[in-house]
Amino acid sequence: QLHLTMSEKHELTKSLELVEKELQEKESEMKREISEWRDRLLQAEKEHQDALTEANQKNEAEIKTCQEKINLLEHCISSQKSEIEHLKSNKEQLNNSLKEANQTLGQLLKTKVR
């Protein structure tokens, strides 16, 4: 009976060792897989951040270019407004000169007719 019990104990101990070994192997495999997934996640996050940074830089450059164009157009509009005001002033002066010349011409014609 003792011998049988000792034999069963030995078999159970061997089975327990095998189960523990399998569990350790599975644990190692799971840790390895977790590590791989963590690495993939970190790589994906890095790529995402890099793409985001690049997109932001492109957007900032495009915004700067657009702002420069806006500034240039505002300057052109301002210059054209000044030119329009200058031309209006010249037109008014020319109209006044023309009126004076016509009046002078009218007076000269009247004087000549008499």
PDB file of N, CA and C in Angstrom:
ATOM      1  N   GLN A   1       0.836  -1.192   0.000  1.00  0.00           N
ATOM      2  CA  GLN A   1       0.000   0.000   0.000  1.00  0.00           C
ATOM      3  C   GLN A   1       0.882   1.258   0.000  1.00  0.00           C
ATOM      4  N   LEU A   2       1.902   1.229   0.848  1.00  0.00           N
ATOM      5  CA  LEU A   2       2.831   2.365   0.918  1.00  0.00           C
ATOM      6  C   LEU A   2       3.518   2.574  -0.418  1.00  0.00           C
ATOM      7  N   HIS A   3       3.940   1.470  -0.989  1.00  0.00           N
ATOM      8  CA  HIS A   3       4.617   1.550  -2.274  1.00  0.00           C
ATOM      9  C   HIS A   3       3.674   2.143  -3.328  1.00  0.00           C
ATOM     10  N   LEU A   4       2.440   1.745  -3.345  1.00  0.00           N
ATOM     11  CA  LEU A   4       1.456   2.241  -4.290  1.00  0.00           C
ATOM     12  C   LEU A   4       1.222   3.728  -4.069  1.00  0.00           C
ATOM     13  N   THR A   5       1.100   4.128  -2.835  1.00  0.00           N
ATOM     14  CA  THR A   5       0.891   5.536  -2.497  1.00  0.00           C
ATOM     15  C   THR A   5       2.100   6.369  -2.910  1.00  0.00           C
ATOM     16  N   MET A   6       3.274   5.855  -2.660  1.00  0.00           N
ATOM     17  CA  MET A   6       4.506   6.564  -3.054  1.00  0.00           C
ATOM     18  C   MET A   6       4.586   6.684  -4.573  1.00  0.00           C
ATOM     19  N   SER A   7       4.170   5.659  -5.246  1.00  0.00           N
ATOM     20  CA  SER A   7       4.179   5.667  -6.703  1.00  0.00           C
ATOM     21  C   SER A   7       3.179   6.708  -7.211  1.00  0.00           C
ATOM     22  N   GLU A   8       1.980   6.768  -6.622  1.00  0.00           N
ATOM     23  CA  GLU A   8       0.977   7.758  -7.016  1.00  0.00           C
ATOM     24  C   GLU A   8       1.476   9.171  -6.737  1.00  0.00           C
ATOM     25  N   LYS A   9       2.118   9.307  -5.568  1.00  0.00           N
ATOM     26  CA  LYS A   9       2.673  10.623  -5.216  1.00  0.00           C
ATOM     27  C   LYS A   9       3.699  11.053  -6.257  1.00  0.00           C
ATOM     28  N   HIS A  10       4.545  10.124  -6.648  1.00  0.00           N
ATOM     29  CA  HIS A  10       5.573  10.414  -7.648  1.00  0.00           C
ATOM     30  C   HIS A  10       4.928  10.815  -8.982  1.00  0.00           C
ATOM     31  N   GLU A  11       3.910  10.061  -9.389  1.00  0.00           N
ATOM     32  CA  GLU A  11       3.219  10.374 -10.637  1.00  0.00           C
ATOM     33  C   GLU A  11       2.540  11.751 -10.558  1.00  0.00           C
ATOM     34  N   LEU A  12       1.907  12.018  -9.421  1.00  0.00           N
ATOM     35  CA  LEU A  12       1.250  13.310  -9.234  1.00  0.00           C
ATOM     36  C   LEU A  12       2.265  14.455  -9.229  1.00  0.00           C
ATOM     37  N   THR A  13       3.401  14.222  -8.624  1.00  0.00           N
ATOM     38  CA  THR A  13       4.462  15.234  -8.601  1.00  0.00           C
ATOM     39  C   THR A  13       4.952  15.506 -10.013  1.00  0.00           C
ATOM     40  N   LYS A  14       5.149  14.454 -10.795  1.00  0.00           N
ATOM     41  CA  LYS A  14       5.579  14.614 -12.189  1.00  0.00           C
ATOM     42  C   LYS A  14       4.518  15.379 -12.977  1.00  0.00           C
ATOM     43  N   SER A  15       3.231  15.015 -12.767  1.00  0.00           N
ATOM     44  CA  SER A  15       2.141  15.709 -13.466  1.00  0.00           C
ATOM     45  C   SER A  15       2.109  17.186 -13.076  1.00  0.00           C
ATOM     46  N   LEU A  16       2.261  17.442 -11.799  1.00  0.00           N
ATOM     47  CA  LEU A  16       2.269  18.823 -11.314  1.00  0.00           C
ATOM     48  C   LEU A  16       3.426  19.601 -11.925  1.00  0.00           C
ATOM     49  N   GLU A  17       4.588  19.002 -11.993  1.00  0.00           N
ATOM     50  CA  GLU A  17       5.754  19.661 -12.602  1.00  0.00           C
ATOM     51  C   GLU A  17       5.500  19.965 -14.067  1.00  0.00           C
ATOM     52  N   LEU A  18       4.875  18.983 -14.774  1.00  0.00           N
ATOM     53  CA  LEU A  18       4.568  19.209 -16.198  1.00  0.00           C
ATOM     54  C   LEU A  18       3.569  20.361 -16.363  1.00  0.00           C
ATOM     55  N   VAL A  19       2.532  20.361 -15.503  1.00  0.00           N
ATOM     56  CA  VAL A  19       1.539  21.439 -15.580  1.00  0.00           C
ATOM     57  C   VAL A  19       2.197  22.780 -15.272  1.00  0.00           C
ATOM     58  N   GLU A  20       3.034  22.829 -14.255  1.00  0.00           N
ATOM     59  CA  GLU A  20       3.735  24.071 -13.918  1.00  0.00           C
ATOM     60  C   GLU A  20       4.633  24.523 -15.060  1.00  0.00           C
ATOM     61  N   LYS A  21       5.305  23.576 -15.690  1.00  0.00           N
ATOM     62  CA  LYS A  21       6.180  23.906 -16.815  1.00  0.00           C
ATOM     63  C   LYS A  21       5.354  24.470 -17.971  1.00  0.00           C
ATOM     64  N   GLU A  22       4.215  23.830 -18.260  1.00  0.00           N
ATOM     65  CA  GLU A  22       3.337  24.325 -19.327  1.00  0.00           C
ATOM     66  C   GLU A  22       2.837  25.731 -19.010  1.00  0.00           C
ATOM     67  N   LEU A  23       2.436  25.931 -17.755  1.00  0.00           N
ATOM     68  CA  LEU A  23       1.961  27.263 -17.346  1.00  0.00           C
ATOM     69  C   LEU A  23       3.058  28.310 -17.497  1.00  0.00           C
ATOM     70  N   GLN A  24       4.266  27.955 -17.113  1.00  0.00           N
ATOM     71  CA  GLN A  24       5.389  28.887 -17.266  1.00  0.00           C
ATOM     72  C   GLN A  24       5.642  29.207 -18.735  1.00  0.00           C
ATOM     73  N   GLU A  25       5.560  28.175 -19.591  1.00  0.00           N
ATOM     74  CA  GLU A  25       5.763  28.396 -21.023  1.00  0.00           C
ATOM     75  C   GLU A  25       4.664  29.300 -21.593  1.00  0.00           C
ATOM     76  N   LYS A  26       3.420  29.009 -21.173  1.00  0.00           N
ATOM     77  CA  LYS A  26       2.311  29.851 -21.644  1.00  0.00           C
ATOM     78  C   LYS A  26       2.464  31.284 -21.141  1.00  0.00           C
ATOM     79  N   GLU A  27       2.881  31.434 -19.888  1.00  0.00           N
ATOM     80  CA  GLU A  27       3.095  32.767 -19.334  1.00  0.00           C
ATOM     81  C   GLU A  27       4.187  33.499 -20.111  1.00  0.00           C
ATOM     82  N   SER A  28       5.275  32.809 -20.411  1.00  0.00           N
ATOM     83  CA  SER A  28       6.362  33.414 -21.194  1.00  0.00           C
ATOM     84  C   SER A  28       5.873  33.819 -22.583  1.00  0.00           C
ATOM     85  N   GLU A  29       5.096  32.926 -23.212  1.00  0.00           N
ATOM     86  CA  GLU A  29       4.560  33.220 -24.541  1.00  0.00           C
ATOM     87  C   GLU A  29       3.631  34.440 -24.488  1.00  0.00           C
ATOM     88  N   MET A  30       2.779  34.492 -23.475  1.00  0.00           N
ATOM     89  CA  MET A  30       1.866  35.625 -23.351  1.00  0.00           C
ATOM     90  C   MET A  30       2.629  36.923 -23.090  1.00  0.00           C
ATOM     91  N   LYS A  31       3.666  36.859 -22.262  1.00  0.00           N
ATOM     92  CA  LYS A  31       4.480  38.057 -22.015  1.00  0.00           C
ATOM     93  C   LYS A  31       5.165  38.513 -23.294  1.00  0.00           C
ATOM     94  N   ARG A  32       5.641  37.547 -24.080  1.00  0.00           N
ATOM     95  CA  ARG A  32       6.297  37.879 -25.348  1.00  0.00           C
ATOM     96  C   ARG A  32       5.289  38.545 -26.295  1.00  0.00           C
ATOM     97  N   GLU A  33       4.084  37.982 -26.381  1.00  0.00           N
ATOM     98  CA  GLU A  33       3.054  38.558 -27.251  1.00  0.00           C
ATOM     99  C   GLU A  33       2.642  39.953 -26.777  1.00  0.00           C
ATOM    100  N   ILE A  34       2.497  40.104 -25.461  1.00  0.00           N
ATOM    101  CA  ILE A  34       2.152  41.423 -24.908  1.00  0.00           C
ATOM    102  C   ILE A  34       3.235  42.435 -25.267  1.00  0.00           C
ATOM    103  N   SER A  35       4.490  42.002 -25.144  1.00  0.00           N
ATOM    104  CA  SER A  35       5.609  42.887 -25.476  1.00  0.00           C
ATOM    105  C   SER A  35       5.571  43.268 -26.966  1.00  0.00           C
ATOM    106  N   GLU A  36       5.297  42.286 -27.830  1.00  0.00           N
ATOM    107  CA  GLU A  36       5.215  42.569 -29.265  1.00  0.00           C
ATOM    108  C   GLU A  36       4.083  43.559 -29.564  1.00  0.00           C
ATOM    109  N   TRP A  37       2.910  43.333 -28.952  1.00  0.00           N
ATOM    110  CA  TRP A  37       1.781  44.238 -29.187  1.00  0.00           C
ATOM    111  C   TRP A  37       2.073  45.630 -28.650  1.00  0.00           C
ATOM    112  N   ARG A  38       2.751  45.682 -27.511  1.00  0.00           N
ATOM    113  CA  ARG A  38       3.117  46.984 -26.946  1.00  0.00           C
ATOM    114  C   ARG A  38       4.055  47.722 -27.900  1.00  0.00           C
ATOM    115  N   ASP A  39       5.032  46.988 -28.459  1.00  0.00           N
ATOM    116  CA  ASP A  39       5.966  47.594 -29.413  1.00  0.00           C
ATOM    117  C   ASP A  39       5.224  48.099 -30.656  1.00  0.00           C
ATOM    118  N   ARG A  40       4.281  47.269 -31.145  1.00  0.00           N
ATOM    119  CA  ARG A  40       3.500  47.684 -32.323  1.00  0.00           C
ATOM    120  C   ARG A  40       2.680  48.930 -32.013  1.00  0.00           C
ATOM    121  N   LEU A  41       2.083  48.946 -30.836  1.00  0.00           N
ATOM    122  CA  LEU A  41       1.284  50.105 -30.431  1.00  0.00           C
ATOM    123  C   LEU A  41       2.155  51.359 -30.349  1.00  0.00           C
ATOM    124  N   LEU A  42       3.321  51.237 -29.737  1.00  0.00           N
ATOM    125  CA  LEU A  42       4.230  52.382 -29.633  1.00  0.00           C
ATOM    126  C   LEU A  42       4.659  52.867 -31.010  1.00  0.00           C
ATOM    127  N   GLN A  43       4.934  51.914 -31.916  1.00  0.00           N
ATOM    128  CA  GLN A  43       5.339  52.279 -33.278  1.00  0.00           C
ATOM    129  C   GLN A  43       4.193  52.999 -33.995  1.00  0.00           C
ATOM    130  N   ALA A  44       2.987  52.465 -33.838  1.00  0.00           N
ATOM    131  CA  ALA A  44       1.823  53.089 -34.482  1.00  0.00           C
ATOM    132  C   ALA A  44       1.594  54.493 -33.915  1.00  0.00           C
ATOM    133  N   GLU A  45       1.730  54.641 -32.600  1.00  0.00           N
ATOM    134  CA  GLU A  45       1.569  55.963 -31.986  1.00  0.00           C
ATOM    135  C   GLU A  45       2.627  56.931 -32.496  1.00  0.00           C
ATOM    136  N   LYS A  46       3.857  56.449 -32.642  1.00  0.00           N
ATOM    137  CA  LYS A  46       4.942  57.302 -33.149  1.00  0.00           C
ATOM    138  C   LYS A  46       4.645  57.726 -34.591  1.00  0.00           C
ATOM    139  N   GLU A  47       4.233  56.773 -35.420  1.00  0.00           N
ATOM    140  CA  GLU A  47       3.914  57.101 -36.809  1.00  0.00           C
ATOM    141  C   GLU A  47       2.752  58.094 -36.876  1.00  0.00           C
ATOM    142  N   HIS A  48       1.758  57.877 -36.043  1.00  0.00           N
ATOM    143  CA  HIS A  48       0.618  58.793 -36.003  1.00  0.00           C
ATOM    144  C   HIS A  48       1.067  60.196 -35.583  1.00  0.00           C
ATOM    145  N   GLN A  49       1.904  60.270 -34.560  1.00  0.00           N
ATOM    146  CA  GLN A  49       2.392  61.566 -34.082  1.00  0.00           C
ATOM    147  C   GLN A  49       3.249  62.251 -35.148  1.00  0.00           C
ATOM    148  N   ASP A  50       4.086  61.457 -35.835  1.00  0.00           N
ATOM    149  CA  ASP A  50       4.916  62.018 -36.907  1.00  0.00           C
ATOM    150  C   ASP A  50       4.036  62.579 -38.026  1.00  0.00           C
ATOM    151  N   ALA A  51       3.001  61.809 -38.401  1.00  0.00           N
ATOM    152  CA  ALA A  51       2.099  62.267 -39.465  1.00  0.00           C
ATOM    153  C   ALA A  51       1.357  63.528 -39.029  1.00  0.00           C
ATOM    154  N   LEU A  52       0.954  63.565 -37.776  1.00  0.00           N
ATOM    155  CA  LEU A  52       0.255  64.734 -37.245  1.00  0.00           C
ATOM    156  C   LEU A  52       1.166  65.959 -37.243  1.00  0.00           C
ATOM    157  N   THR A  53       2.400  65.759 -36.822  1.00  0.00           N
ATOM    158  CA  THR A  53       3.374  66.863 -36.808  1.00  0.00           C
ATOM    159  C   THR A  53       3.621  67.380 -38.219  1.00  0.00           C
ATOM    160  N   GLU A  54       3.777  66.449 -39.165  1.00  0.00           N
ATOM    161  CA  GLU A  54       4.016  66.848 -40.553  1.00  0.00           C
ATOM    162  C   GLU A  54       2.813  67.617 -41.109  1.00  0.00           C
ATOM    163  N   ALA A  55       1.617  67.119 -40.826  1.00  0.00           N
ATOM    164  CA  ALA A  55       0.404  67.796 -41.300  1.00  0.00           C
ATOM    165  C   ALA A  55       0.298  69.190 -40.691  1.00  0.00           C
ATOM    166  N   ASN A  56       0.615  69.311 -39.405  1.00  0.00           N
ATOM    167  CA  ASN A  56       0.571  70.618 -38.746  1.00  0.00           C
ATOM    168  C   ASN A  56       1.578  71.584 -39.371  1.00  0.00           C
ATOM    169  N   GLN A  57       2.769  71.079 -39.663  1.00  0.00           N
ATOM    170  CA  GLN A  57       3.792  71.936 -40.274  1.00  0.00           C
ATOM    171  C   GLN A  57       3.341  72.409 -41.654  1.00  0.00           C
ATOM    172  N   LYS A  58       2.749  71.479 -42.438  1.00  0.00           N
ATOM    173  CA  LYS A  58       2.255  71.866 -43.767  1.00  0.00           C
ATOM    174  C   LYS A  58       1.145  72.903 -43.638  1.00  0.00           C
ATOM    175  N   ASN A  59       0.233  72.676 -42.689  1.00  0.00           N
ATOM    176  CA  ASN A  59      -0.864  73.633 -42.491  1.00  0.00           C
ATOM    177  C   ASN A  59      -0.342  74.994 -42.066  1.00  0.00           C
ATOM    178  N   GLU A  60       0.634  75.004 -41.167  1.00  0.00           N
ATOM    179  CA  GLU A  60       1.198  76.277 -40.722  1.00  0.00           C
ATOM    180  C   GLU A  60       1.875  77.003 -41.873  1.00  0.00           C
ATOM    181  N   ALA A  61       2.587  76.254 -42.717  1.00  0.00           N
ATOM    182  CA  ALA A  61       3.243  76.872 -43.874  1.00  0.00           C
ATOM    183  C   ALA A  61       2.194  77.426 -44.839  1.00  0.00           C
ATOM    184  N   GLU A  62       1.116  76.665 -45.044  1.00  0.00           N
ATOM    185  CA  GLU A  62       0.064  77.118 -45.950  1.00  0.00           C
ATOM    186  C   GLU A  62      -0.638  78.351 -45.379  1.00  0.00           C
ATOM    187  N   ILE A  63      -0.873  78.353 -44.076  1.00  0.00           N
ATOM    188  CA  ILE A  63      -1.492  79.519 -43.433  1.00  0.00           C
ATOM    189  C   ILE A  63      -0.594  80.735 -43.596  1.00  0.00           C
ATOM    190  N   LYS A  64       0.722  80.537 -43.401  1.00  0.00           N
ATOM    191  CA  LYS A  64       1.662  81.650 -43.545  1.00  0.00           C
ATOM    192  C   LYS A  64       1.640  82.192 -44.973  1.00  0.00           C
ATOM    193  N   THR A  65       1.638  81.279 -45.949  1.00  0.00           N
ATOM    194  CA  THR A  65       1.596  81.695 -47.352  1.00  0.00           C
ATOM    195  C   THR A  65       0.315  82.467 -47.648  1.00  0.00           C
ATOM    196  N   CYS A  66      -0.806  81.955 -47.157  1.00  0.00           N
ATOM    197  CA  CYS A  66      -2.091  82.647 -47.377  1.00  0.00           C
ATOM    198  C   CYS A  66      -2.094  84.013 -46.708  1.00  0.00           C
ATOM    199  N   GLN A  67      -1.547  84.091 -45.509  1.00  0.00           N
ATOM    200  CA  GLN A  67      -1.498  85.373 -44.802  1.00  0.00           C
ATOM    201  C   GLN A  67      -0.640  86.378 -45.571  1.00  0.00           C
ATOM    202  N   GLU A  68       0.475  85.894 -46.134  1.00  0.00           N
ATOM    203  CA  GLU A  68       1.325  86.781 -46.936  1.00  0.00           C
ATOM    204  C   GLU A  68       0.572  87.278 -48.166  1.00  0.00           C
ATOM    205  N   LYS A  69      -0.194  86.375 -48.806  1.00  0.00           N
ATOM    206  CA  LYS A  69      -0.986  86.781 -49.978  1.00  0.00           C
ATOM    207  C   LYS A  69      -2.041  87.806 -49.582  1.00  0.00           C
ATOM    208  N   ILE A  70      -2.687  87.568 -48.439  1.00  0.00           N
ATOM    209  CA  ILE A  70      -3.698  88.509 -47.950  1.00  0.00           C
ATOM    210  C   ILE A  70      -3.070  89.877 -47.705  1.00  0.00           C
ATOM    211  N   ASN A  71      -1.901  89.878 -47.051  1.00  0.00           N
ATOM    212  CA  ASN A  71      -1.209  91.147 -46.786  1.00  0.00           C
ATOM    213  C   ASN A  71      -0.870  91.869 -48.079  1.00  0.00           C
ATOM    214  N   LEU A  72      -0.393  91.106 -49.068  1.00  0.00           N
ATOM    215  CA  LEU A  72      -0.044  91.696 -50.356  1.00  0.00           C
ATOM    216  C   LEU A  72      -1.284  92.281 -51.033  1.00  0.00           C
ATOM    217  N   LEU A  73      -2.387  91.524 -51.013  1.00  0.00           N
ATOM    218  CA  LEU A  73      -3.623  92.014 -51.621  1.00  0.00           C
ATOM    219  C   LEU A  73      -4.147  93.249 -50.893  1.00  0.00           C
ATOM    220  N   GLU A  74      -4.060  93.247 -49.564  1.00  0.00           N
ATOM    221  CA  GLU A  74      -4.499  94.427 -48.803  1.00  0.00           C
ATOM    222  C   GLU A  74      -3.651  95.643 -49.167  1.00  0.00           C
ATOM    223  N   HIS A  75      -2.360  95.425 -49.348  1.00  0.00           N
ATOM    224  CA  HIS A  75      -1.474  96.530 -49.750  1.00  0.00           C
ATOM    225  C   HIS A  75      -1.865  97.033 -51.143  1.00  0.00           C
ATOM    226  N   CYS A  76      -2.131  96.089 -52.060  1.00  0.00           N
ATOM    227  CA  CYS A  76      -2.531  96.481 -53.418  1.00  0.00           C
ATOM    228  C   CYS A  76      -3.836  97.270 -53.387  1.00  0.00           C
ATOM    229  N   ILE A  77      -4.798  96.782 -52.592  1.00  0.00           N
ATOM    230  CA  ILE A  77      -6.093  97.474 -52.486  1.00  0.00           C
ATOM    231  C   ILE A  77      -5.878  98.881 -51.929  1.00  0.00           C
ATOM    232  N   SER A  78      -5.052  98.995 -50.917  1.00  0.00           N
ATOM    233  CA  SER A  78      -4.775 100.303 -50.323  1.00  0.00           C
ATOM    234  C   SER A  78      -4.127 101.227 -51.355  1.00  0.00           C
ATOM    235  N   SER A  79      -3.160 100.695 -52.111  1.00  0.00           N
ATOM    236  CA  SER A  79      -2.505 101.502 -53.148  1.00  0.00           C
ATOM    237  C   SER A  79      -3.508 101.937 -54.209  1.00  0.00           C
ATOM    238  N   GLN A  80      -4.387 101.011 -54.603  1.00  0.00           N
ATOM    239  CA  GLN A  80      -5.372 101.351 -55.632  1.00  0.00           C
ATOM    240  C   GLN A  80      -6.369 102.390 -55.121  1.00  0.00           C
ATOM    241  N   LYS A  81      -6.759 102.292 -53.839  1.00  0.00           N
ATOM    242  CA  LYS A  81      -7.657 103.305 -53.269  1.00  0.00           C
ATOM    243  C   LYS A  81      -6.987 104.673 -53.294  1.00  0.00           C
ATOM    244  N   SER A  82      -5.698 104.702 -52.939  1.00  0.00           N
ATOM    245  CA  SER A  82      -4.958 105.972 -52.967  1.00  0.00           C
ATOM    246  C   SER A  82      -4.899 106.515 -54.389  1.00  0.00           C
ATOM    247  N   GLU A  83      -4.650 105.638 -55.345  1.00  0.00           N
ATOM    248  CA  GLU A  83      -4.579 106.058 -56.748  1.00  0.00           C
ATOM    249  C   GLU A  83      -5.931 106.598 -57.220  1.00  0.00           C
ATOM    250  N   ILE A  84      -7.010 105.923 -56.819  1.00  0.00           N
ATOM    251  CA  ILE A  84      -8.359 106.382 -57.184  1.00  0.00           C
ATOM    252  C   ILE A  84      -8.614 107.777 -56.610  1.00  0.00           C
ATOM    253  N   GLU A  85      -8.256 107.982 -55.340  1.00  0.00           N
ATOM    254  CA  GLU A  85      -8.448 109.293 -54.717  1.00  0.00           C
ATOM    255  C   GLU A  85      -7.625 110.358 -55.444  1.00  0.00           C
ATOM    256  N   HIS A  86      -6.403 109.993 -55.813  1.00  0.00           N
ATOM    257  CA  HIS A  86      -5.539 110.928 -56.550  1.00  0.00           C
ATOM    258  C   HIS A  86      -6.165 111.268 -57.909  1.00  0.00           C
ATOM    259  N   LEU A  87      -6.675 110.251 -58.607  1.00  0.00           N
ATOM    260  CA  LEU A  87      -7.299 110.489 -59.917  1.00  0.00           C
ATOM    261  C   LEU A  87      -8.567 111.333 -59.787  1.00  0.00           C
ATOM    262  N   LYS A  88      -9.354 111.082 -58.722  1.00  0.00           N
ATOM    263  CA  LYS A  88     -10.556 111.908 -58.498  1.00  0.00           C
ATOM    264  C   LYS A  88     -10.176 113.368 -58.292  1.00  0.00           C
ATOM    265  N   SER A  89      -9.110 113.563 -57.502  1.00  0.00           N
ATOM    266  CA  SER A  89      -8.645 114.928 -57.241  1.00  0.00           C
ATOM    267  C   SER A  89      -8.180 115.586 -58.544  1.00  0.00           C
ATOM    268  N   ASN A  90      -7.415 114.852 -59.354  1.00  0.00           N
ATOM    269  CA  ASN A  90      -6.951 115.385 -60.641  1.00  0.00           C
ATOM    270  C   ASN A  90      -8.121 115.710 -61.558  1.00  0.00           C
ATOM    271  N   LYS A  91      -9.140 114.814 -61.560  1.00  0.00           N
ATOM    272  CA  LYS A  91     -10.316 115.038 -62.399  1.00  0.00           C
ATOM    273  C   LYS A  91     -11.031 116.324 -61.980  1.00  0.00           C
ATOM    274  N   GLU A  92     -11.156 116.505 -60.679  1.00  0.00           N
ATOM    275  CA  GLU A  92     -11.820 117.708 -60.171  1.00  0.00           C
ATOM    276  C   GLU A  92     -11.037 118.960 -60.576  1.00  0.00           C
ATOM    277  N   GLN A  93      -9.708 118.880 -60.435  1.00  0.00           N
ATOM    278  CA  GLN A  93      -8.888 120.023 -60.832  1.00  0.00           C
ATOM    279  C   GLN A  93      -9.013 120.304 -62.321  1.00  0.00           C
ATOM    280  N   LEU A  94      -9.020 119.238 -63.122  1.00  0.00           N
ATOM    281  CA  LEU A  94      -9.157 119.424 -64.576  1.00  0.00           C
ATOM    282  C   LEU A  94     -10.527 119.991 -64.936  1.00  0.00           C
ATOM    283  N   ASN A  95     -11.574 119.516 -64.247  1.00  0.00           N
ATOM    284  CA  ASN A  95     -12.919 120.061 -64.497  1.00  0.00           C
ATOM    285  C   ASN A  95     -12.979 121.548 -64.150  1.00  0.00           C
ATOM    286  N   ASN A  96     -12.370 121.906 -63.019  1.00  0.00           N
ATOM    287  CA  ASN A  96     -12.337 123.318 -62.632  1.00  0.00           C
ATOM    288  C   ASN A  96     -11.568 124.142 -63.650  1.00  0.00           C
ATOM    289  N   SER A  97     -10.418 123.622 -64.095  1.00  0.00           N
ATOM    290  CA  SER A  97      -9.629 124.343 -65.111  1.00  0.00           C
ATOM    291  C   SER A  97     -10.415 124.478 -66.402  1.00  0.00           C
ATOM    292  N   LEU A  98     -11.133 123.407 -66.767  1.00  0.00           N
ATOM    293  CA  LEU A  98     -11.933 123.452 -67.990  1.00  0.00           C
ATOM    294  C   LEU A  98     -13.046 124.493 -67.868  1.00  0.00           C
ATOM    295  N   LYS A  99     -13.705 124.562 -66.714  1.00  0.00           N
ATOM    296  CA  LYS A  99     -14.758 125.572 -66.499  1.00  0.00           C
ATOM    297  C   LYS A  99     -14.174 126.976 -66.629  1.00  0.00           C
ATOM    298  N   GLU A 100     -13.002 127.173 -66.007  1.00  0.00           N
ATOM    299  CA  GLU A 100     -12.366 128.493 -66.074  1.00  0.00           C
ATOM    300  C   GLU A 100     -11.995 128.830 -67.523  1.00  0.00           C
ATOM    301  N   ALA A 101     -11.467 127.833 -68.225  1.00  0.00           N
ATOM    302  CA  ALA A 101     -11.088 128.085 -69.627  1.00  0.00           C
ATOM    303  C   ALA A 101     -12.319 128.405 -70.465  1.00  0.00           C
ATOM    304  N   ASN A 102     -13.413 127.668 -70.216  1.00  0.00           N
ATOM    305  CA  ASN A 102     -14.651 127.938 -70.962  1.00  0.00           C
ATOM    306  C   ASN A 102     -15.204 129.328 -70.642  1.00  0.00           C
ATOM    307  N   GLN A 103     -15.107 129.719 -69.372  1.00  0.00           N
ATOM    308  CA  GLN A 103     -15.580 131.058 -68.997  1.00  0.00           C
ATOM    309  C   GLN A 103     -14.718 132.116 -69.672  1.00  0.00           C
ATOM    310  N   THR A 104     -13.401 131.902 -69.630  1.00  0.00           N
ATOM    311  CA  THR A 104     -12.489 132.851 -70.267  1.00  0.00           C
ATOM    312  C   THR A 104     -12.769 132.928 -71.760  1.00  0.00           C
ATOM    313  N   LEU A 105     -12.997 131.730 -72.367  1.00  0.00           N
ATOM    314  CA  LEU A 105     -13.291 131.688 -73.796  1.00  0.00           C
ATOM    315  C   LEU A 105     -14.602 132.426 -74.078  1.00  0.00           C
ATOM    316  N   GLY A 106     -15.584 132.204 -73.218  1.00  0.00           N
ATOM    317  CA  GLY A 106     -16.869 132.888 -73.393  1.00  0.00           C
ATOM    318  C   GLY A 106     -16.683 134.396 -73.297  1.00  0.00           C
ATOM    319  N   GLN A 107     -15.907 134.852 -72.345  1.00  0.00           N
ATOM    320  CA  GLN A 107     -15.676 136.291 -72.198  1.00  0.00           C
ATOM    321  C   GLN A 107     -14.931 136.832 -73.410  1.00  0.00           C
ATOM    322  N   LEU A 108     -13.942 136.086 -73.872  1.00  0.00           N
ATOM    323  CA  LEU A 108     -13.182 136.534 -75.039  1.00  0.00           C
ATOM    324  C   LEU A 108     -14.085 136.624 -76.271  1.00  0.00           C
ATOM    325  N   LEU A 109     -14.973 135.641 -76.420  1.00  0.00           N
ATOM    326  CA  LEU A 109     -15.903 135.673 -77.582  1.00  0.00           C
ATOM    327  C   LEU A 109     -16.829 136.867 -77.498  1.00  0.00           C
ATOM    328  N   LYS A 110     -17.319 137.146 -76.277  1.00  0.00           N
ATOM    329  CA  LYS A 110     -18.200 138.301 -76.092  1.00  0.00           C
ATOM    330  C   LYS A 110     -17.466 139.601 -76.433  1.00  0.00           C
ATOM    331  N   THR A 111     -16.206 139.659 -75.954  1.00  0.00           N
ATOM    332  CA  THR A 111     -15.402 140.844 -76.217  1.00  0.00           C
ATOM    333  C   THR A 111     -15.151 140.991 -77.718  1.00  0.00           C
ATOM    334  N   LYS A 112     -14.899 139.893 -78.395  1.00  0.00           N
ATOM    335  CA  LYS A 112     -14.616 139.915 -79.829  1.00  0.00           C
ATOM    336  C   LYS A 112     -15.854 140.293 -80.615  1.00  0.00           C
ATOM    337  N   VAL A 113     -16.996 139.836 -80.190  1.00  0.00           N
ATOM    338  CA  VAL A 113     -18.252 140.104 -80.878  1.00  0.00           C
ATOM    339  C   VAL A 113     -18.561 141.610 -80.797  1.00  0.00           C
ATOM    340  N   ARG A 114     -18.289 142.286 -79.719  1.00  0.00           N
ATOM    341  CA  ARG A 114     -18.601 143.692 -79.535  1.00  0.00           C
ATOM    342  C   ARG A 114     -17.752 144.508 -80.394  1.00  0.00           C
TER     343      ARG A 114
END
